Amino acid sequence: MMDEEQTRIRDETDTNLVNLRRAIYLTIMSSVDYEEAGHRLLRIKLEPGQEKEVCIMLIECCSHERSYLGYYGLLGQRLCMINKVHQENFEMCFVQHYSMIHRLETNKLRNVAMFFAHLLATDALPWHVLAYIRLTEKDTTSSSRIFIKILFQELSRHLGIRVLYKRLTDPRMQDDFESLFPRDNPKNTRFSINFFTCIGLGGITAKQRQYLKAGSNESRSGSDHKSRKHPRRW
């Protein structure tokens, strides 16, 4: 009897979730513009914790478009500005999508990257989410590199290379960007520099280049000191 009751409750919960997602989907796809969509989405009755379904469905709709539509970024931005819960849920979605990025087709991957780039460029999404990306040869795949490439090229398009560089070198955010611009060993540092240079954004790696140069000079200085201390005899 208990098992039957639990099954009934589970079935009702699943049905309610399907109906909720359908309502969100229809609202997003039938609205004239992002402002109307935002107003209509706010009128949908949500139980605590169901706000994430709005974020999930918005990204899902965005990913299925043939090409990226700014409508989705503007709607996501509006939701973040209205309710911080949406901002937190989009941050969670960013982490989840990046961890499973290899499952997305190239077109979906592109749309999702452009969507998140819009949220970052407009400060609808906090930049500390970039800490979830570790840019090394070992920690990336071809899919994740495409995602990072599109994400940063879009950020550069939105902000301009100078503003982007300024944001990425903000002293208060360096702990969050350490995994993007690693300095744990020269190999990882060079990989990051080469990656951004290849996608036309070598300018944002100036600090890393200085770091490598300083390390090289220090190493050379140490070698010269040893040579003077123990001169070779031929």
Protein backbone atom coordinates (compact mmCIF):
# COMPACT_ATOMS: atom_id res chain seq x y z
CA MET A 1 0.00 0.00 0.00
CA MET A 2 2.82 2.34 0.92
CA ASP A 3 4.62 1.58 -2.37
CA GLU A 4 1.47 2.36 -4.37
CA GLU A 5 1.08 5.70 -2.58
CA GLN A 6 4.70 6.65 -3.22
CA THR A 7 4.35 5.69 -6.89
CA ARG A 8 1.19 7.80 -7.23
CA ILE A 9 2.90 10.82 -5.64
CA ARG A 10 5.93 10.37 -7.89
CA ASP A 11 3.73 10.16 -11.00
CA GLU A 12 1.85 13.32 -10.01
CA THR A 13 5.13 15.13 -9.38
CA ASP A 14 6.50 14.11 -12.78
CA THR A 15 3.26 15.18 -14.48
CA ASN A 16 3.32 18.56 -12.73
CA LEU A 17 6.94 19.10 -13.78
CA VAL A 18 6.15 18.26 -17.41
CA ASN A 19 3.20 20.67 -17.36
CA LEU A 20 5.33 23.39 -15.78
CA ARG A 21 8.06 23.01 -18.39
CA ARG A 22 5.46 23.08 -21.16
CA ALA A 23 4.00 26.31 -19.77
CA ILE A 24 7.46 27.90 -19.57
CA TYR A 25 8.33 26.74 -23.09
CA LEU A 26 5.11 28.11 -24.60
CA THR A 27 5.59 31.42 -22.80
CA ILE A 28 9.16 31.82 -24.08
CA MET A 29 8.36 30.81 -27.65
CA SER A 30 5.10 32.76 -28.05
CA SER A 31 6.10 36.12 -26.57
CA VAL A 32 6.58 39.11 -28.87
CA ASP A 33 9.78 40.27 -27.15
CA TYR A 34 11.89 39.62 -24.07
CA GLU A 35 10.02 42.20 -21.99
CA GLU A 36 6.68 40.51 -22.59
CA ALA A 37 8.25 37.11 -21.95
CA GLY A 38 9.70 38.36 -18.66
CA HIS A 39 6.33 39.66 -17.46
CA ARG A 40 4.52 36.46 -18.45
CA LEU A 41 7.12 34.19 -16.85
CA LEU A 42 6.80 36.08 -13.58
CA ARG A 43 3.07 35.33 -13.57
CA ILE A 44 3.64 31.57 -13.68
CA LYS A 45 3.06 30.13 -10.23
CA LEU A 46 6.25 28.45 -9.03
CA GLU A 47 6.85 26.41 -5.92
CA PRO A 48 10.07 27.11 -3.98
CA GLY A 49 12.95 25.52 -5.91
CA GLN A 50 11.11 25.48 -9.25
CA GLU A 51 12.72 28.74 -10.40
CA LYS A 52 15.55 26.69 -11.88
CA GLU A 53 13.11 25.22 -14.41
CA VAL A 54 12.77 28.66 -16.00
CA CYS A 55 16.55 28.88 -16.46
CA ILE A 56 16.81 25.31 -17.74
CA MET A 57 14.04 25.79 -20.31
CA LEU A 58 15.39 29.16 -21.47
CA ILE A 59 18.80 27.66 -22.22
CA GLU A 60 17.15 24.63 -23.82
CA CYS A 61 15.09 26.82 -26.16
CA CYS A 62 18.16 28.91 -26.98
CA SER A 63 20.29 25.88 -27.81
CA HIS A 64 17.77 24.54 -30.35
CA GLU A 65 17.77 27.65 -32.54
CA ARG A 66 19.57 27.39 -35.88
CA SER A 67 21.60 30.45 -34.93
CA TYR A 68 21.86 32.43 -31.72
CA LEU A 69 19.10 34.97 -31.07
CA GLY A 70 19.81 37.94 -28.81
CA TYR A 71 16.27 37.58 -27.46
CA TYR A 72 17.40 34.78 -25.15
CA GLY A 73 20.33 36.70 -23.71
CA LEU A 74 18.15 39.76 -23.06
CA LEU A 75 15.50 37.62 -21.38
CA GLY A 76 18.10 35.84 -19.24
CA GLN A 77 19.61 39.20 -18.29
CA ARG A 78 16.20 40.57 -17.30
CA LEU A 79 15.42 37.55 -15.13
CA CYS A 80 18.77 37.87 -13.33
CA MET A 81 18.16 41.55 -12.63
CA ILE A 82 14.65 40.90 -11.30
CA ASN A 83 15.45 38.01 -8.98
CA LYS A 84 18.84 36.94 -7.62
CA VAL A 85 17.55 33.36 -7.44
CA HIS A 86 17.60 33.26 -11.24
CA GLN A 87 21.18 34.52 -11.23
CA GLU A 88 22.19 31.73 -8.87
CA ASN A 89 20.38 29.17 -11.01
CA PHE A 90 22.07 30.39 -14.20
CA GLU A 91 25.40 30.05 -12.43
CA MET A 92 24.51 26.46 -11.59
CA CYS A 93 23.46 25.90 -15.22
CA PHE A 94 26.80 27.29 -16.42
CA VAL A 95 28.68 24.75 -14.32
CA GLN A 96 26.43 21.87 -15.42
CA HIS A 97 26.60 22.73 -19.11
CA TYR A 98 30.37 23.17 -19.07
CA SER A 99 30.85 19.82 -17.33
CA MET A 100 28.76 18.12 -20.04
CA ILE A 101 29.77 20.30 -22.98
CA HIS A 102 31.10 17.30 -24.92
CA ARG A 103 27.52 16.06 -25.27
CA LEU A 104 26.36 19.11 -27.21
CA GLU A 105 26.41 19.40 -30.98
CA THR A 106 28.52 22.26 -32.29
CA ASN A 107 25.52 24.47 -33.07
CA LYS A 108 23.98 24.00 -29.61
CA LEU A 109 27.38 24.55 -28.03
CA ARG A 110 27.76 27.84 -29.92
CA ASN A 111 24.33 29.11 -28.88
CA VAL A 112 24.90 28.24 -25.23
CA ALA A 113 28.33 29.91 -25.20
CA MET A 114 26.92 33.08 -26.76
CA PHE A 115 24.06 33.10 -24.26
CA PHE A 116 26.40 32.95 -21.27
CA ALA A 117 28.72 35.52 -22.87
CA HIS A 118 25.80 37.95 -22.96
CA LEU A 119 25.03 37.36 -19.28
CA LEU A 120 28.68 37.91 -18.34
CA ALA A 121 29.12 40.99 -20.53
CA THR A 122 26.07 42.64 -18.95
CA ASP A 123 27.07 41.57 -15.40
CA ALA A 124 23.85 39.60 -15.12
CA LEU A 125 26.08 36.66 -14.21
CA PRO A 126 29.00 37.08 -11.76
CA TRP A 127 32.42 36.60 -13.33
CA HIS A 128 33.55 34.20 -10.64
CA VAL A 129 31.77 31.45 -12.63
CA LEU A 130 34.86 31.45 -14.87
CA ALA A 131 36.72 29.78 -12.01
CA TYR A 132 35.03 26.54 -13.08
CA ILE A 133 37.06 26.55 -16.31
CA ARG A 134 40.59 25.15 -16.07
CA LEU A 135 42.39 25.99 -19.28
CA THR A 136 45.14 23.40 -19.68
CA GLU A 137 45.73 20.76 -22.32
CA LYS A 138 44.93 18.02 -19.82
CA ASP A 139 41.73 19.58 -18.46
CA THR A 140 40.08 20.56 -21.76
CA THR A 141 38.61 18.71 -24.72
CA SER A 142 38.00 19.85 -28.28
CA SER A 143 34.40 20.68 -27.30
CA SER A 144 35.32 22.68 -24.21
CA ARG A 145 37.96 24.61 -26.18
CA ILE A 146 35.36 25.57 -28.77
CA PHE A 147 33.06 26.71 -25.94
CA ILE A 148 35.81 28.81 -24.33
CA LYS A 149 36.79 30.23 -27.73
CA ILE A 150 33.25 31.39 -28.53
CA LEU A 151 32.65 32.62 -24.98
CA PHE A 152 35.72 34.88 -24.97
CA GLN A 153 35.40 36.06 -28.56
CA GLU A 154 31.85 37.15 -27.73
CA LEU A 155 33.00 38.86 -24.54
CA SER A 156 35.58 40.73 -26.59
CA ARG A 157 32.92 41.71 -29.14
CA HIS A 158 30.59 42.98 -26.41
CA LEU A 159 33.17 44.78 -24.26
CA GLY A 160 36.16 45.43 -26.48
CA ILE A 161 39.59 43.93 -25.86
CA ARG A 162 40.75 46.73 -23.52
CA VAL A 163 37.76 46.49 -21.19
CA LEU A 164 37.95 42.70 -21.26
CA TYR A 165 41.63 42.82 -20.30
CA LYS A 166 40.84 45.25 -17.50
CA ARG A 167 38.15 42.95 -16.13
CA LEU A 168 40.41 39.90 -16.30
CA THR A 169 43.27 41.67 -14.51
CA ASP A 170 41.11 43.08 -11.70
CA PRO A 171 43.22 42.39 -8.56
CA ARG A 172 40.09 41.43 -6.60
CA MET A 173 39.26 38.62 -9.05
CA GLN A 174 42.64 37.00 -9.60
CA ASP A 175 41.84 33.92 -7.51
CA ASP A 176 38.80 33.29 -9.72
CA PHE A 177 40.77 33.66 -12.96
CA GLU A 178 43.79 31.63 -11.87
CA SER A 179 42.51 28.48 -13.58
CA LEU A 180 42.04 30.36 -16.88
CA PHE A 181 45.52 31.87 -16.76
CA PRO A 182 47.49 29.20 -14.86
CA ARG A 183 50.94 29.87 -13.46
CA ASP A 184 51.44 26.54 -11.70
CA ASN A 185 53.99 25.47 -14.31
CA PRO A 186 55.37 26.92 -17.57
CA LYS A 187 53.73 24.24 -19.73
CA ASN A 188 50.22 25.20 -18.62
CA THR A 189 51.03 28.90 -18.87
CA ARG A 190 52.25 28.50 -22.45
CA PHE A 191 49.18 26.47 -23.39
CA SER A 192 46.88 29.23 -22.13
CA ILE A 193 48.89 31.92 -23.92
CA ASN A 194 48.91 29.96 -27.18
CA PHE A 195 45.18 29.23 -26.94
CA PHE A 196 44.15 32.87 -26.56
CA THR A 197 46.67 33.97 -29.19
CA CYS A 198 45.27 31.47 -31.70
CA ILE A 199 41.72 32.81 -31.25
CA GLY A 200 42.86 36.40 -31.73
CA LEU A 201 42.91 37.42 -28.07
CA GLY A 202 46.62 37.25 -27.29
CA GLY A 203 46.39 40.73 -25.77
CA ILE A 204 44.69 39.42 -22.63
CA THR A 205 47.70 37.20 -21.84
CA ALA A 206 50.14 40.08 -21.23
CA LYS A 207 50.45 39.26 -17.51
CA GLN A 208 51.23 35.62 -18.29
CA ARG A 209 53.90 36.61 -20.80
CA GLN A 210 55.50 38.84 -18.18
CA TYR A 211 55.39 35.94 -15.72
CA LEU A 212 57.11 33.58 -18.17
CA LYS A 213 59.72 36.19 -19.05
CA ALA A 214 60.47 36.87 -15.39
CA GLY A 215 60.81 33.15 -14.73
CA SER A 216 63.11 32.74 -17.71
CA ASN A 217 65.32 35.64 -16.60
CA GLU A 218 65.48 34.28 -13.07
CA SER A 219 66.46 30.84 -14.35
CA ARG A 220 69.11 32.33 -16.63
CA SER A 221 70.47 34.44 -13.77
CA GLY A 222 70.74 31.35 -11.57
CA SER A 223 72.59 29.45 -14.29
CA ASP A 224 75.05 32.31 -14.79
CA HIS A 225 75.70 32.45 -11.06
CA LYS A 226 76.49 28.72 -10.96
CA SER A 227 78.76 29.06 -13.99
CA ARG A 228 80.76 31.81 -12.30
CA LYS A 229 80.96 29.85 -9.07
CA HIS A 230 82.04 26.64 -10.77
CA PRO A 231 83.79 27.58 -14.04
CA ARG A 232 84.16 24.83 -16.56
CA ARG A 233 87.62 23.53 -17.40
CA TRP A 234 88.21 22.42 -20.92
